[in-house]
Amino acid sequence: MKKTILIVDDDIDYLFQMRAKVEQFGFETITAEGQKEAETIIETIKPDLAILDLMMENDDSGFILAYKIRRRYPDVPIIIATAVTAETGMSFDTNHNDDQQWIKADLMLDKGIRSDQLHREINKLLKI
């Protein structure tokens, strides 16, 4: 059975591109155009992995959504894909202890990630 990946982003073009990439890798996709829509989806569907934008309705929508997914499905790997470093200069690192305690994501990636790198990271998190 194909693994299902939830992709959440309020940038419709980026969402479309990410969905196309992930489907080319051989995964099923479910998409949401924001935090609220994604919260509705996770009430009834457990994805195998989630790729979340950071800044959607709010600057921290991705963090809030990651927290809610992790609380409901503790074993679902979460990637936060963001342009926040390019836009604000702020950076987050899931390998750093202070950030790790409150960022409920397995991986932070900058938007514009190459397809092969994204595919590798997804496979690593899904242990494929």
N, C-alpha and C. Protein backbone atom coordinates (compact mmCIF):
# COMPACT_ATOMS: atom_id res chain seq x y z
N MET A 1 0.84 -1.20 0.00
CA MET A 1 0.00 0.00 0.00
C MET A 1 0.88 1.25 0.00
N LYS A 2 0.48 2.24 -0.78
CA LYS A 2 1.25 3.48 -0.86
C LYS A 2 1.14 4.26 0.45
N LYS A 3 2.23 4.91 0.81
CA LYS A 3 2.25 5.79 1.99
C LYS A 3 1.57 7.10 1.60
N THR A 4 0.90 7.71 2.58
CA THR A 4 0.18 8.96 2.35
C THR A 4 0.90 10.11 3.04
N ILE A 5 1.13 11.16 2.30
CA ILE A 5 1.81 12.33 2.82
C ILE A 5 0.87 13.53 2.80
N LEU A 6 0.73 14.17 3.96
CA LEU A 6 -0.07 15.38 4.10
C LEU A 6 0.84 16.57 3.81
N ILE A 7 0.42 17.42 2.87
CA ILE A 7 1.18 18.63 2.52
C ILE A 7 0.29 19.84 2.82
N VAL A 8 0.82 20.75 3.64
CA VAL A 8 0.03 21.92 4.04
C VAL A 8 0.81 23.19 3.72
N ASP A 9 0.22 24.06 2.90
CA ASP A 9 0.86 25.33 2.54
C ASP A 9 -0.20 26.28 2.03
N ASP A 10 -0.10 27.56 2.41
CA ASP A 10 -1.09 28.54 1.95
C ASP A 10 -0.70 29.15 0.61
N ASP A 11 0.48 28.82 0.10
CA ASP A 11 0.90 29.25 -1.24
C ASP A 11 0.45 28.16 -2.21
N ILE A 12 -0.59 28.43 -2.96
CA ILE A 12 -1.22 27.41 -3.82
C ILE A 12 -0.24 26.88 -4.87
N ASP A 13 0.59 27.76 -5.44
CA ASP A 13 1.57 27.33 -6.44
C ASP A 13 2.58 26.36 -5.81
N TYR A 14 3.08 26.72 -4.64
CA TYR A 14 4.05 25.86 -3.96
C TYR A 14 3.41 24.52 -3.59
N LEU A 15 2.17 24.59 -3.12
CA LEU A 15 1.44 23.37 -2.74
C LEU A 15 1.30 22.44 -3.95
N PHE A 16 0.96 23.01 -5.10
CA PHE A 16 0.81 22.24 -6.33
C PHE A 16 2.15 21.59 -6.73
N GLN A 17 3.24 22.38 -6.68
CA GLN A 17 4.57 21.87 -7.05
C GLN A 17 5.01 20.76 -6.09
N MET A 18 4.81 20.97 -4.79
CA MET A 18 5.22 19.98 -3.80
C MET A 18 4.41 18.69 -3.97
N ARG A 19 3.13 18.84 -4.23
CA ARG A 19 2.27 17.67 -4.44
C ARG A 19 2.76 16.87 -5.65
N ALA A 20 3.06 17.56 -6.75
CA ALA A 20 3.55 16.90 -7.96
C ALA A 20 4.85 16.14 -7.69
N LYS A 21 5.77 16.78 -6.96
CA LYS A 21 7.05 16.13 -6.61
C LYS A 21 6.81 14.86 -5.80
N VAL A 22 6.03 15.00 -4.75
CA VAL A 22 5.80 13.88 -3.82
C VAL A 22 5.08 12.73 -4.53
N GLU A 23 4.15 13.05 -5.42
CA GLU A 23 3.46 12.00 -6.18
C GLU A 23 4.41 11.32 -7.17
N GLN A 24 5.37 12.07 -7.72
CA GLN A 24 6.39 11.48 -8.60
C GLN A 24 7.25 10.47 -7.83
N PHE A 25 7.42 10.70 -6.53
CA PHE A 25 8.20 9.77 -5.69
C PHE A 25 7.41 8.49 -5.42
N GLY A 26 6.11 8.49 -5.78
CA GLY A 26 5.31 7.28 -5.61
C GLY A 26 4.42 7.28 -4.38
N PHE A 27 4.19 8.46 -3.79
CA PHE A 27 3.34 8.54 -2.60
C PHE A 27 1.96 9.09 -2.95
N GLU A 28 0.98 8.74 -2.13
CA GLU A 28 -0.34 9.39 -2.19
C GLU A 28 -0.19 10.73 -1.49
N THR A 29 -0.99 11.72 -1.86
CA THR A 29 -0.93 13.00 -1.16
C THR A 29 -2.32 13.46 -0.75
N ILE A 30 -2.32 14.18 0.36
CA ILE A 30 -3.51 14.91 0.80
C ILE A 30 -3.00 16.32 1.00
N THR A 31 -3.73 17.31 0.49
CA THR A 31 -3.26 18.69 0.64
C THR A 31 -4.26 19.53 1.41
N ALA A 32 -3.73 20.54 2.08
CA ALA A 32 -4.55 21.52 2.78
C ALA A 32 -3.92 22.89 2.54
N GLU A 33 -4.79 23.90 2.43
CA GLU A 33 -4.31 25.25 2.13
C GLU A 33 -4.14 26.09 3.38
N GLY A 34 -3.96 25.45 4.52
CA GLY A 34 -3.75 26.20 5.75
C GLY A 34 -3.92 25.33 6.97
N GLN A 35 -3.59 25.92 8.12
CA GLN A 35 -3.63 25.22 9.40
C GLN A 35 -5.02 24.68 9.73
N LYS A 36 -6.04 25.52 9.58
CA LYS A 36 -7.40 25.12 9.97
C LYS A 36 -7.88 23.93 9.13
N GLU A 37 -7.66 24.00 7.82
CA GLU A 37 -8.08 22.90 6.94
C GLU A 37 -7.34 21.62 7.31
N ALA A 38 -6.06 21.74 7.61
CA ALA A 38 -5.25 20.57 7.98
C ALA A 38 -5.73 19.97 9.31
N GLU A 39 -6.12 20.82 10.25
CA GLU A 39 -6.63 20.32 11.54
C GLU A 39 -7.88 19.48 11.33
N THR A 40 -8.73 19.90 10.40
CA THR A 40 -9.94 19.13 10.08
C THR A 40 -9.57 17.77 9.48
N ILE A 41 -8.60 17.77 8.59
CA ILE A 41 -8.16 16.53 7.93
C ILE A 41 -7.62 15.53 8.94
N ILE A 42 -6.77 15.99 9.86
CA ILE A 42 -6.14 15.04 10.80
C ILE A 42 -7.10 14.48 11.84
N GLU A 43 -8.28 15.06 11.92
CA GLU A 43 -9.29 14.49 12.83
C GLU A 43 -9.74 13.12 12.34
N THR A 44 -9.70 12.90 11.02
CA THR A 44 -10.20 11.64 10.47
C THR A 44 -9.16 10.83 9.70
N ILE A 45 -8.04 11.45 9.35
CA ILE A 45 -7.03 10.77 8.55
C ILE A 45 -5.68 10.86 9.24
N LYS A 46 -5.00 9.70 9.34
CA LYS A 46 -3.64 9.68 9.88
C LYS A 46 -2.67 9.55 8.70
N PRO A 47 -1.91 10.63 8.40
CA PRO A 47 -0.94 10.52 7.32
C PRO A 47 0.27 9.71 7.78
N ASP A 48 1.04 9.22 6.82
CA ASP A 48 2.28 8.52 7.18
C ASP A 48 3.41 9.51 7.45
N LEU A 49 3.26 10.73 6.88
CA LEU A 49 4.24 11.79 7.07
C LEU A 49 3.54 13.11 6.74
N ALA A 50 3.99 14.20 7.36
CA ALA A 50 3.41 15.52 7.07
C ALA A 50 4.51 16.50 6.69
N ILE A 51 4.25 17.31 5.65
CA ILE A 51 5.14 18.39 5.25
C ILE A 51 4.35 19.69 5.43
N LEU A 52 4.82 20.53 6.33
CA LEU A 52 4.07 21.72 6.71
C LEU A 52 4.83 23.00 6.40
N ASP A 53 4.11 24.00 5.93
CA ASP A 53 4.67 25.35 5.83
C ASP A 53 4.70 25.90 7.24
N LEU A 54 5.59 26.85 7.51
CA LEU A 54 5.63 27.44 8.85
C LEU A 54 4.65 28.59 8.97
N MET A 55 4.77 29.59 8.07
CA MET A 55 3.94 30.79 8.20
C MET A 55 2.74 30.71 7.27
N MET A 56 1.57 30.50 7.88
CA MET A 56 0.33 30.45 7.10
C MET A 56 -0.63 31.48 7.68
N GLU A 57 -1.75 31.05 8.31
CA GLU A 57 -2.65 32.02 8.92
C GLU A 57 -1.92 32.89 9.94
N ASN A 58 -1.03 32.24 10.68
CA ASN A 58 -0.21 32.95 11.67
C ASN A 58 1.25 32.63 11.40
N ASP A 59 2.14 33.43 11.98
CA ASP A 59 3.57 33.21 11.78
C ASP A 59 4.04 31.85 12.29
N ASP A 60 3.29 31.29 13.25
CA ASP A 60 3.71 30.02 13.85
C ASP A 60 2.73 28.87 13.55
N SER A 61 1.92 29.02 12.50
CA SER A 61 0.93 27.99 12.15
C SER A 61 1.54 26.60 12.02
N GLY A 62 2.70 26.51 11.37
CA GLY A 62 3.36 25.22 11.18
C GLY A 62 3.76 24.58 12.50
N PHE A 63 4.25 25.39 13.44
CA PHE A 63 4.63 24.86 14.75
C PHE A 63 3.40 24.35 15.50
N ILE A 64 2.30 25.12 15.44
CA ILE A 64 1.06 24.74 16.13
C ILE A 64 0.51 23.44 15.53
N LEU A 65 0.49 23.38 14.22
CA LEU A 65 -0.01 22.19 13.53
C LEU A 65 0.86 20.97 13.84
N ALA A 66 2.17 21.16 13.84
CA ALA A 66 3.09 20.06 14.18
C ALA A 66 2.79 19.54 15.59
N TYR A 67 2.56 20.45 16.50
CA TYR A 67 2.25 20.08 17.88
C TYR A 67 0.96 19.25 17.93
N LYS A 68 -0.06 19.70 17.19
CA LYS A 68 -1.35 18.99 17.20
C LYS A 68 -1.24 17.61 16.54
N ILE A 69 -0.48 17.53 15.45
CA ILE A 69 -0.28 16.22 14.79
C ILE A 69 0.47 15.30 15.73
N ARG A 70 1.52 15.79 16.35
CA ARG A 70 2.36 14.98 17.24
C ARG A 70 1.55 14.48 18.45
N ARG A 71 0.65 15.34 18.95
CA ARG A 71 -0.16 14.95 20.11
C ARG A 71 -1.15 13.84 19.72
N ARG A 72 -1.72 13.95 18.53
CA ARG A 72 -2.71 12.97 18.08
C ARG A 72 -2.05 11.70 17.55
N TYR A 73 -0.97 11.86 16.79
CA TYR A 73 -0.26 10.73 16.16
C TYR A 73 1.23 10.84 16.48
N PRO A 74 1.65 10.39 17.66
CA PRO A 74 3.05 10.58 18.10
C PRO A 74 4.10 10.00 17.15
N ASP A 75 3.72 9.02 16.33
CA ASP A 75 4.71 8.35 15.48
C ASP A 75 4.79 8.90 14.06
N VAL A 76 4.01 9.92 13.73
CA VAL A 76 4.03 10.48 12.36
C VAL A 76 5.19 11.47 12.23
N PRO A 77 6.13 11.20 11.29
CA PRO A 77 7.23 12.14 11.08
C PRO A 77 6.72 13.45 10.47
N ILE A 78 7.33 14.55 10.88
CA ILE A 78 6.90 15.87 10.43
C ILE A 78 8.09 16.66 9.89
N ILE A 79 7.91 17.21 8.69
CA ILE A 79 8.89 18.11 8.08
C ILE A 79 8.26 19.48 8.02
N ILE A 80 8.97 20.50 8.49
CA ILE A 80 8.51 21.87 8.28
C ILE A 80 9.38 22.47 7.19
N ALA A 81 8.74 22.85 6.08
CA ALA A 81 9.43 23.48 4.95
C ALA A 81 9.11 24.97 5.01
N THR A 82 10.13 25.79 5.11
CA THR A 82 9.87 27.21 5.32
C THR A 82 10.85 28.11 4.58
N ALA A 83 10.38 29.30 4.31
CA ALA A 83 11.24 30.34 3.75
C ALA A 83 11.55 31.38 4.82
N VAL A 84 11.29 31.04 6.09
CA VAL A 84 11.42 32.01 7.18
C VAL A 84 12.84 32.57 7.30
N THR A 85 13.85 31.73 7.09
CA THR A 85 15.23 32.22 7.21
C THR A 85 15.51 33.26 6.14
N ALA A 86 15.07 32.98 4.91
CA ALA A 86 15.27 33.93 3.81
C ALA A 86 14.47 35.21 4.05
N GLU A 87 13.27 35.08 4.63
CA GLU A 87 12.38 36.24 4.80
C GLU A 87 12.70 37.07 6.04
N THR A 88 13.14 36.40 7.13
CA THR A 88 13.29 37.13 8.39
C THR A 88 14.69 37.07 8.98
N GLY A 89 15.51 36.13 8.50
CA GLY A 89 16.83 35.96 9.08
C GLY A 89 16.83 35.04 10.29
N MET A 90 15.62 34.68 10.78
CA MET A 90 15.54 33.74 11.91
C MET A 90 15.79 32.34 11.40
N SER A 91 16.45 31.54 12.23
CA SER A 91 16.64 30.15 11.83
C SER A 91 16.34 29.24 13.01
N PHE A 92 15.89 28.05 12.69
CA PHE A 92 15.55 27.05 13.69
C PHE A 92 16.30 25.78 13.32
N ASP A 93 16.62 25.00 14.33
CA ASP A 93 17.39 23.79 14.08
C ASP A 93 16.85 22.67 14.96
N THR A 94 16.30 21.64 14.36
CA THR A 94 15.74 20.54 15.15
C THR A 94 16.84 19.69 15.78
N ASN A 95 18.10 19.94 15.41
CA ASN A 95 19.21 19.22 16.04
C ASN A 95 19.72 19.93 17.28
N HIS A 96 19.24 21.14 17.52
CA HIS A 96 19.67 21.93 18.67
C HIS A 96 18.71 21.68 19.83
N ASN A 97 19.24 21.35 21.00
CA ASN A 97 18.40 20.95 22.14
C ASN A 97 17.31 21.95 22.50
N ASP A 98 17.64 23.24 22.54
CA ASP A 98 16.64 24.25 22.93
C ASP A 98 15.48 24.26 21.94
N ASP A 99 15.80 24.24 20.64
CA ASP A 99 14.75 24.25 19.62
C ASP A 99 13.98 22.93 19.62
N GLN A 100 14.70 21.82 19.84
CA GLN A 100 14.10 20.48 19.79
C GLN A 100 12.98 20.32 20.81
N GLN A 101 13.11 20.99 21.95
CA GLN A 101 12.11 20.83 23.01
C GLN A 101 10.76 21.40 22.61
N TRP A 102 10.74 22.47 21.83
CA TRP A 102 9.45 23.07 21.50
C TRP A 102 9.05 22.91 20.04
N ILE A 103 10.00 22.62 19.16
CA ILE A 103 9.63 22.37 17.76
C ILE A 103 9.29 20.90 17.63
N LYS A 104 8.04 20.60 17.36
CA LYS A 104 7.60 19.21 17.30
C LYS A 104 7.71 18.67 15.88
N ALA A 105 8.82 18.99 15.23
CA ALA A 105 9.07 18.49 13.88
C ALA A 105 10.35 17.68 13.89
N ASP A 106 10.44 16.74 12.97
CA ASP A 106 11.64 15.92 12.86
C ASP A 106 12.71 16.61 12.04
N LEU A 107 12.27 17.54 11.18
CA LEU A 107 13.21 18.15 10.25
C LEU A 107 12.69 19.52 9.83
N MET A 108 13.61 20.50 9.75
CA MET A 108 13.28 21.82 9.21
C MET A 108 14.04 21.93 7.89
N LEU A 109 13.32 22.24 6.83
CA LEU A 109 13.96 22.39 5.51
C LEU A 109 13.64 23.77 4.96
N ASP A 110 14.61 24.35 4.25
CA ASP A 110 14.34 25.61 3.57
C ASP A 110 13.57 25.32 2.30
N LYS A 111 12.59 26.17 1.99
CA LYS A 111 11.85 26.01 0.73
C LYS A 111 12.83 26.14 -0.43
N GLY A 112 12.53 25.45 -1.50
CA GLY A 112 13.44 25.44 -2.64
C GLY A 112 14.36 24.23 -2.59
N ILE A 113 14.04 23.31 -1.69
CA ILE A 113 14.84 22.08 -1.56
C ILE A 113 14.81 21.30 -2.88
N ARG A 114 15.94 20.73 -3.23
CA ARG A 114 16.02 19.93 -4.45
C ARG A 114 15.18 18.66 -4.28
N SER A 115 14.62 18.20 -5.39
CA SER A 115 13.77 17.00 -5.37
C SER A 115 14.48 15.79 -4.80
N ASP A 116 15.74 15.57 -5.22
CA ASP A 116 16.45 14.38 -4.76
C ASP A 116 16.70 14.43 -3.26
N GLN A 117 16.98 15.62 -2.74
CA GLN A 117 17.19 15.77 -1.29
C GLN A 117 15.89 15.53 -0.54
N LEU A 118 14.80 16.11 -1.04
CA LEU A 118 13.49 15.92 -0.41
C LEU A 118 13.13 14.43 -0.39
N HIS A 119 13.33 13.76 -1.51
CA HIS A 119 13.01 12.34 -1.61
C HIS A 119 13.82 11.54 -0.59
N ARG A 120 15.11 11.85 -0.48
CA ARG A 120 15.99 11.18 0.49
C ARG A 120 15.49 11.39 1.92
N GLU A 121 15.14 12.64 2.26
CA GLU A 121 14.70 12.95 3.62
C GLU A 121 13.37 12.24 3.95
N ILE A 122 12.45 12.21 3.00
CA ILE A 122 11.18 11.52 3.21
C ILE A 122 11.43 10.04 3.44
N ASN A 123 12.24 9.43 2.58
CA ASN A 123 12.54 8.00 2.71
C ASN A 123 13.21 7.69 4.05
N LYS A 124 14.11 8.59 4.47
CA LYS A 124 14.80 8.39 5.75
C LYS A 124 13.79 8.42 6.91
N LEU A 125 12.90 9.41 6.90
CA LEU A 125 11.92 9.54 7.98
C LEU A 125 10.90 8.40 7.97
N LEU A 126 10.57 7.89 6.78
CA LEU A 126 9.62 6.77 6.68
C LEU A 126 10.33 5.41 6.80
N LYS A 127 11.66 5.48 6.91
CA LYS A 127 12.49 4.26 7.03
C LYS A 127 12.25 3.31 5.86
N ILE A 128 12.27 3.89 4.64
CA ILE A 128 12.06 3.10 3.42
C ILE A 128 13.42 2.68 2.87
